[in-house]
């Protein structure tokens, strides 16, 4: 169930809406997030109060106007008003959340307390901003940056000997010419190796991370982010 204040905070244009637009949105919110089959002016008024928004003198006339439009935007019976399917579908497409989206948002929101590292926290903040603004490609990039940084940090702290032993076996040509043939710092990973090569060495060395598999099998941004965070960031404690 979405929180009204959180949802509205992610709709920059909300403050510019007139009362007719807000009331239609509130009716949709009551249908979708409060499981209300019918809505009333009193219930919508409470949502205005929740947001500390100035209410119109009367809400009922706006609901009647929606019912009298051609085509209708709402249908009325003795129990109250309900938005027609076409209107609900429009709001669902713009502001609705699938179960996976809600789960990913909670996963990302809960991460700050679990990753004290400043650099990882910065990557996370940018990933959240991108995700909340539907910039999913950018959210994937920032989540990958977070994941790769975490993976390298994990190797440095817990698997460095295994990584350095596997490096010349997996990529002998690169290792032979490497500026940093022995990895000792985070910058050494980028000195000669691509990110894909670093993750492949981790896989070959039987570390707990398999991000290359995740990238191949996940198609949607939410699932991609969920898998990266769950299978790497939370699985490999620092």
Protein backbone atom coordinates (compact mmCIF):
# COMPACT_ATOMS: atom_id res chain seq x y z
CA UNK A 1 0.00 0.00 0.00
CA UNK A 2 1.52 3.31 -1.05
CA UNK A 3 1.80 6.19 1.40
CA UNK A 4 -0.03 9.29 0.14
CA UNK A 5 2.59 11.80 1.25
CA UNK A 6 5.44 9.77 -0.25
CA UNK A 7 3.56 9.29 -3.52
CA UNK A 8 2.73 12.99 -3.86
CA UNK A 9 6.34 13.93 -3.09
CA UNK A 10 7.29 12.11 -6.30
CA UNK A 11 4.80 14.07 -8.42
CA UNK A 12 6.44 17.50 -8.96
CA UNK A 13 3.45 18.82 -10.89
CA UNK A 14 0.99 18.07 -8.06
CA UNK A 15 1.27 21.56 -6.56
CA UNK A 16 0.15 23.06 -9.89
CA UNK A 17 -2.97 20.92 -10.25
CA UNK A 18 -6.37 22.51 -9.84
CA UNK A 19 -8.97 21.03 -7.48
CA UNK A 20 -10.64 19.01 -10.23
CA UNK A 21 -7.35 17.24 -10.99
CA UNK A 22 -6.50 16.69 -7.33
CA UNK A 23 -9.93 15.27 -6.52
CA UNK A 24 -9.72 12.85 -9.42
CA UNK A 25 -6.27 11.77 -8.20
CA UNK A 26 -7.53 11.37 -4.63
CA UNK A 27 -10.44 9.24 -5.85
CA UNK A 28 -7.98 7.00 -7.70
CA UNK A 29 -5.78 6.79 -4.61
CA UNK A 30 -8.72 5.69 -2.48
CA UNK A 31 -9.69 3.03 -5.02
CA UNK A 32 -6.19 1.69 -5.49
CA UNK A 33 -4.40 2.17 -2.19
CA UNK A 34 -7.24 2.12 0.33
CA UNK A 35 -9.32 -0.55 -1.44
CA UNK A 36 -12.41 1.68 -1.55
CA UNK A 37 -15.06 0.48 -3.99
CA UNK A 38 -16.81 3.86 -3.72
CA UNK A 39 -15.45 7.26 -2.64
CA UNK A 40 -17.14 10.21 -0.96
CA UNK A 41 -16.39 13.90 -0.59
CA UNK A 42 -15.70 13.36 3.13
CA UNK A 43 -13.00 10.76 2.42
CA UNK A 44 -11.37 12.96 -0.18
CA UNK A 45 -11.47 15.87 2.26
CA UNK A 46 -9.47 13.79 4.73
CA UNK A 47 -6.75 13.32 2.11
CA UNK A 48 -6.55 17.10 1.66
CA UNK A 49 -6.07 17.30 5.43
CA UNK A 50 -3.38 14.61 5.39
CA UNK A 51 -1.36 16.70 2.94
CA UNK A 52 -2.18 19.96 4.75
CA UNK A 53 -3.70 21.20 1.50
CA UNK A 54 -6.35 23.91 1.26
CA UNK A 55 -9.68 22.27 0.42
CA UNK A 56 -12.22 23.73 -1.99
CA UNK A 57 -15.44 25.07 -0.47
CA UNK A 58 -17.22 21.92 -1.59
CA UNK A 59 -15.89 18.62 -2.95
CA UNK A 60 -19.21 17.04 -3.90
CA UNK A 61 -19.84 19.36 -6.91
CA UNK A 62 -16.52 18.25 -8.43
CA UNK A 63 -17.55 14.61 -8.13
CA UNK A 64 -20.91 15.39 -9.75
CA UNK A 65 -19.13 17.20 -12.60
CA UNK A 66 -17.03 14.08 -13.24
CA UNK A 67 -20.21 12.00 -13.38
CA UNK A 68 -21.87 14.43 -15.80
CA UNK A 69 -19.01 14.62 -18.29
CA UNK A 70 -19.28 13.04 -21.71
CA UNK A 71 -17.68 10.54 -21.66
CA UNK A 72 -18.18 10.01 -17.94
CA UNK A 73 -15.17 10.10 -15.65
CA UNK A 74 -17.10 8.73 -12.67
CA UNK A 75 -20.24 6.72 -11.99
CA UNK A 76 -22.55 7.43 -9.05
CA UNK A 77 -24.80 5.20 -7.01
CA UNK A 78 -26.25 5.24 -3.50
CA UNK A 79 -22.89 4.26 -1.95
CA UNK A 80 -20.88 7.05 -3.57
CA UNK A 81 -18.76 7.59 -6.67
CA UNK A 82 -16.32 5.39 -8.53
CA UNK A 83 -13.95 6.31 -11.32
CA UNK A 84 -14.55 4.65 -14.66
CA UNK A 85 -12.00 2.11 -15.82
CA UNK A 86 -10.43 4.36 -18.46
CA UNK A 87 -9.61 7.03 -15.87
CA UNK A 88 -8.30 4.49 -13.38
CA UNK A 89 -6.12 2.94 -16.07
CA UNK A 90 -4.61 6.34 -16.85
CA UNK A 91 -3.67 6.92 -13.22
CA UNK A 92 -2.41 3.35 -12.85
CA UNK A 93 -0.06 3.88 -15.78
CA UNK A 94 1.28 7.16 -14.40
CA UNK A 95 1.40 6.61 -10.67
CA UNK A 96 0.65 2.97 -9.95
CA UNK A 97 3.31 0.64 -8.58
CA UNK A 98 3.79 -3.01 -9.29
CA UNK A 99 4.63 -5.27 -6.38
CA UNK A 100 8.24 -5.55 -7.54
CA UNK A 101 8.60 -1.76 -7.66
CA UNK A 102 7.39 -1.42 -4.08
CA UNK A 103 9.78 -4.17 -2.99
CA UNK A 104 12.74 -2.55 -4.76
CA UNK A 105 11.99 0.89 -3.33
CA UNK A 106 11.89 -0.59 0.18
CA UNK A 107 15.09 -2.53 -0.49
CA UNK A 108 16.92 0.60 -1.61
CA UNK A 109 15.41 2.73 1.15
CA UNK A 110 16.57 0.24 3.82
CA UNK A 111 20.13 0.03 2.49
CA UNK A 112 21.68 3.20 4.01
CA UNK A 113 21.83 1.65 7.48
CA UNK A 114 23.53 -1.43 6.06
CA UNK A 115 26.24 0.29 4.00
CA UNK A 116 28.21 2.78 6.11
CA UNK A 117 30.74 3.40 3.34
CA UNK A 118 30.44 6.99 2.09
CA UNK A 119 31.10 6.22 -1.58
CA UNK A 120 28.51 3.42 -1.64
CA UNK A 121 25.99 5.69 0.08
CA UNK A 122 26.49 8.33 -2.61
CA UNK A 123 25.90 5.76 -5.37
CA UNK A 124 22.76 4.62 -3.54
CA UNK A 125 21.35 8.14 -3.19
CA UNK A 126 21.74 8.74 -6.93
CA UNK A 127 20.18 5.36 -7.74
CA UNK A 128 17.15 6.23 -5.59
CA UNK A 129 16.74 9.63 -7.24
CA UNK A 130 16.88 8.05 -10.70
CA UNK A 131 14.49 5.25 -9.76
CA UNK A 132 11.92 7.60 -8.21
CA UNK A 133 11.98 9.74 -11.34
CA UNK A 134 11.52 6.76 -13.67
CA UNK A 135 15.04 7.18 -15.09
CA UNK A 136 15.49 3.41 -15.00
CA UNK A 137 18.53 3.21 -17.29
CA UNK A 138 20.37 5.67 -15.05
CA UNK A 139 19.16 3.81 -11.94
CA UNK A 140 20.65 0.59 -13.31
CA UNK A 141 23.99 2.32 -13.99
CA UNK A 142 24.16 3.80 -10.49
CA UNK A 143 23.17 0.50 -8.88
CA UNK A 144 25.84 -1.28 -10.89
CA UNK A 145 28.40 1.31 -9.73
CA UNK A 146 27.33 0.64 -6.15
CA UNK A 147 27.53 -3.13 -6.67
CA UNK A 148 30.90 -3.11 -8.43
CA UNK A 149 32.43 -0.84 -5.79
CA UNK A 150 31.07 -3.14 -3.07
CA UNK A 151 32.40 -6.23 -4.85
CA UNK A 152 35.90 -4.75 -5.17
CA UNK A 153 35.86 -3.67 -1.54
CA UNK A 154 34.83 -7.18 -0.52
CA UNK A 155 37.67 -8.71 -2.54
CA UNK A 156 40.21 -6.32 -1.00
CA UNK A 157 39.07 -7.17 2.52
CA UNK A 158 38.29 -10.87 2.27
CA UNK A 159 39.36 -12.49 -1.01
CA UNK A 160 42.49 -10.66 -2.17
CA UNK A 161 44.81 -13.68 -2.13
CA UNK A 162 42.28 -15.75 -4.09
CA UNK A 163 41.80 -12.97 -6.62
CA UNK A 164 45.54 -12.40 -7.16
CA UNK A 165 46.09 -16.14 -7.53
CA UNK A 166 43.34 -16.46 -10.16
CA UNK A 167 44.23 -13.30 -12.10
CA UNK A 168 47.25 -14.70 -14.06
CA UNK A 169 45.41 -17.99 -14.70
CA UNK A 170 42.28 -16.36 -16.12
CA UNK A 171 43.96 -13.54 -18.08
CA UNK A 172 47.65 -14.42 -18.54
CA UNK A 173 48.15 -11.95 -21.41
CA UNK A 174 46.74 -9.00 -19.51
CA UNK A 175 48.55 -9.99 -16.33
CA UNK A 176 51.91 -10.24 -18.10
CA UNK A 177 51.67 -6.63 -19.32
CA UNK A 178 49.80 -5.23 -16.33
CA UNK A 179 50.88 -2.04 -14.61
CA UNK A 180 49.49 -3.54 -11.40
CA UNK A 181 49.97 -7.33 -11.68
CA UNK A 182 49.20 -7.67 -7.98
CA UNK A 183 46.00 -6.02 -6.84
CA UNK A 184 46.39 -4.08 -3.60
CA UNK A 185 44.05 -1.06 -3.84
CA UNK A 186 40.71 -0.20 -5.43
CA UNK A 187 42.44 1.79 -8.19
CA UNK A 188 44.46 -1.29 -9.14
CA UNK A 189 41.29 -3.00 -10.40
CA UNK A 190 40.82 -0.31 -13.05
CA UNK A 191 44.49 -0.04 -13.92
CA UNK A 192 44.48 -2.92 -16.41
CA UNK A 193 41.18 -4.76 -16.11
CA UNK A 194 37.67 -4.08 -17.40
CA UNK A 195 34.78 -4.45 -14.98
CA UNK A 196 33.64 -7.58 -16.80
CA UNK A 197 37.12 -9.09 -16.39
CA UNK A 198 37.15 -8.32 -12.67
CA UNK A 199 33.80 -10.04 -12.19
CA UNK A 200 34.94 -13.01 -14.30
CA UNK A 201 38.02 -13.46 -12.10
CA UNK A 202 35.73 -13.35 -9.06
CA UNK A 203 33.54 -16.02 -10.61
CA UNK A 204 36.51 -18.21 -11.54
CA UNK A 205 37.94 -17.83 -8.04
CA UNK A 206 34.61 -19.11 -6.67
CA UNK A 207 33.75 -15.98 -4.78
CA UNK A 208 30.13 -15.59 -3.72
CA UNK A 209 29.32 -13.06 -6.45
CA UNK A 210 27.97 -13.84 -9.92
CA UNK A 211 26.93 -10.46 -11.32
CA UNK A 212 27.57 -11.49 -14.93
CA UNK A 213 24.78 -14.08 -14.69
CA UNK A 214 22.46 -11.51 -13.18
CA UNK A 215 23.04 -9.07 -16.02
CA UNK A 216 22.18 -11.67 -18.63
CA UNK A 217 19.01 -13.03 -17.05
CA UNK A 218 17.34 -9.84 -15.82
CA UNK A 219 15.35 -7.73 -18.25
CA UNK A 220 13.56 -5.14 -16.17
CA UNK A 221 15.10 -2.37 -14.10
CA UNK A 222 13.36 -3.37 -10.87
CA UNK A 223 14.45 -7.00 -11.12
CA UNK A 224 17.97 -6.00 -12.19
CA UNK A 225 18.38 -3.71 -9.20
CA UNK A 226 16.78 -6.20 -6.81
CA UNK A 227 19.09 -9.01 -7.94
CA UNK A 228 22.27 -6.91 -7.81
CA UNK A 229 21.56 -5.57 -4.35
CA UNK A 230 20.34 -8.90 -2.96
CA UNK A 231 22.96 -11.18 -4.55
CA UNK A 232 26.02 -8.95 -4.09
CA UNK A 233 25.63 -5.97 -1.77
CA UNK A 234 23.66 -7.83 0.93
CA UNK A 235 25.24 -11.24 0.36
CA UNK A 236 28.84 -10.03 0.76
CA UNK A 237 29.07 -8.27 4.14
CA UNK A 238 32.10 -6.06 4.59
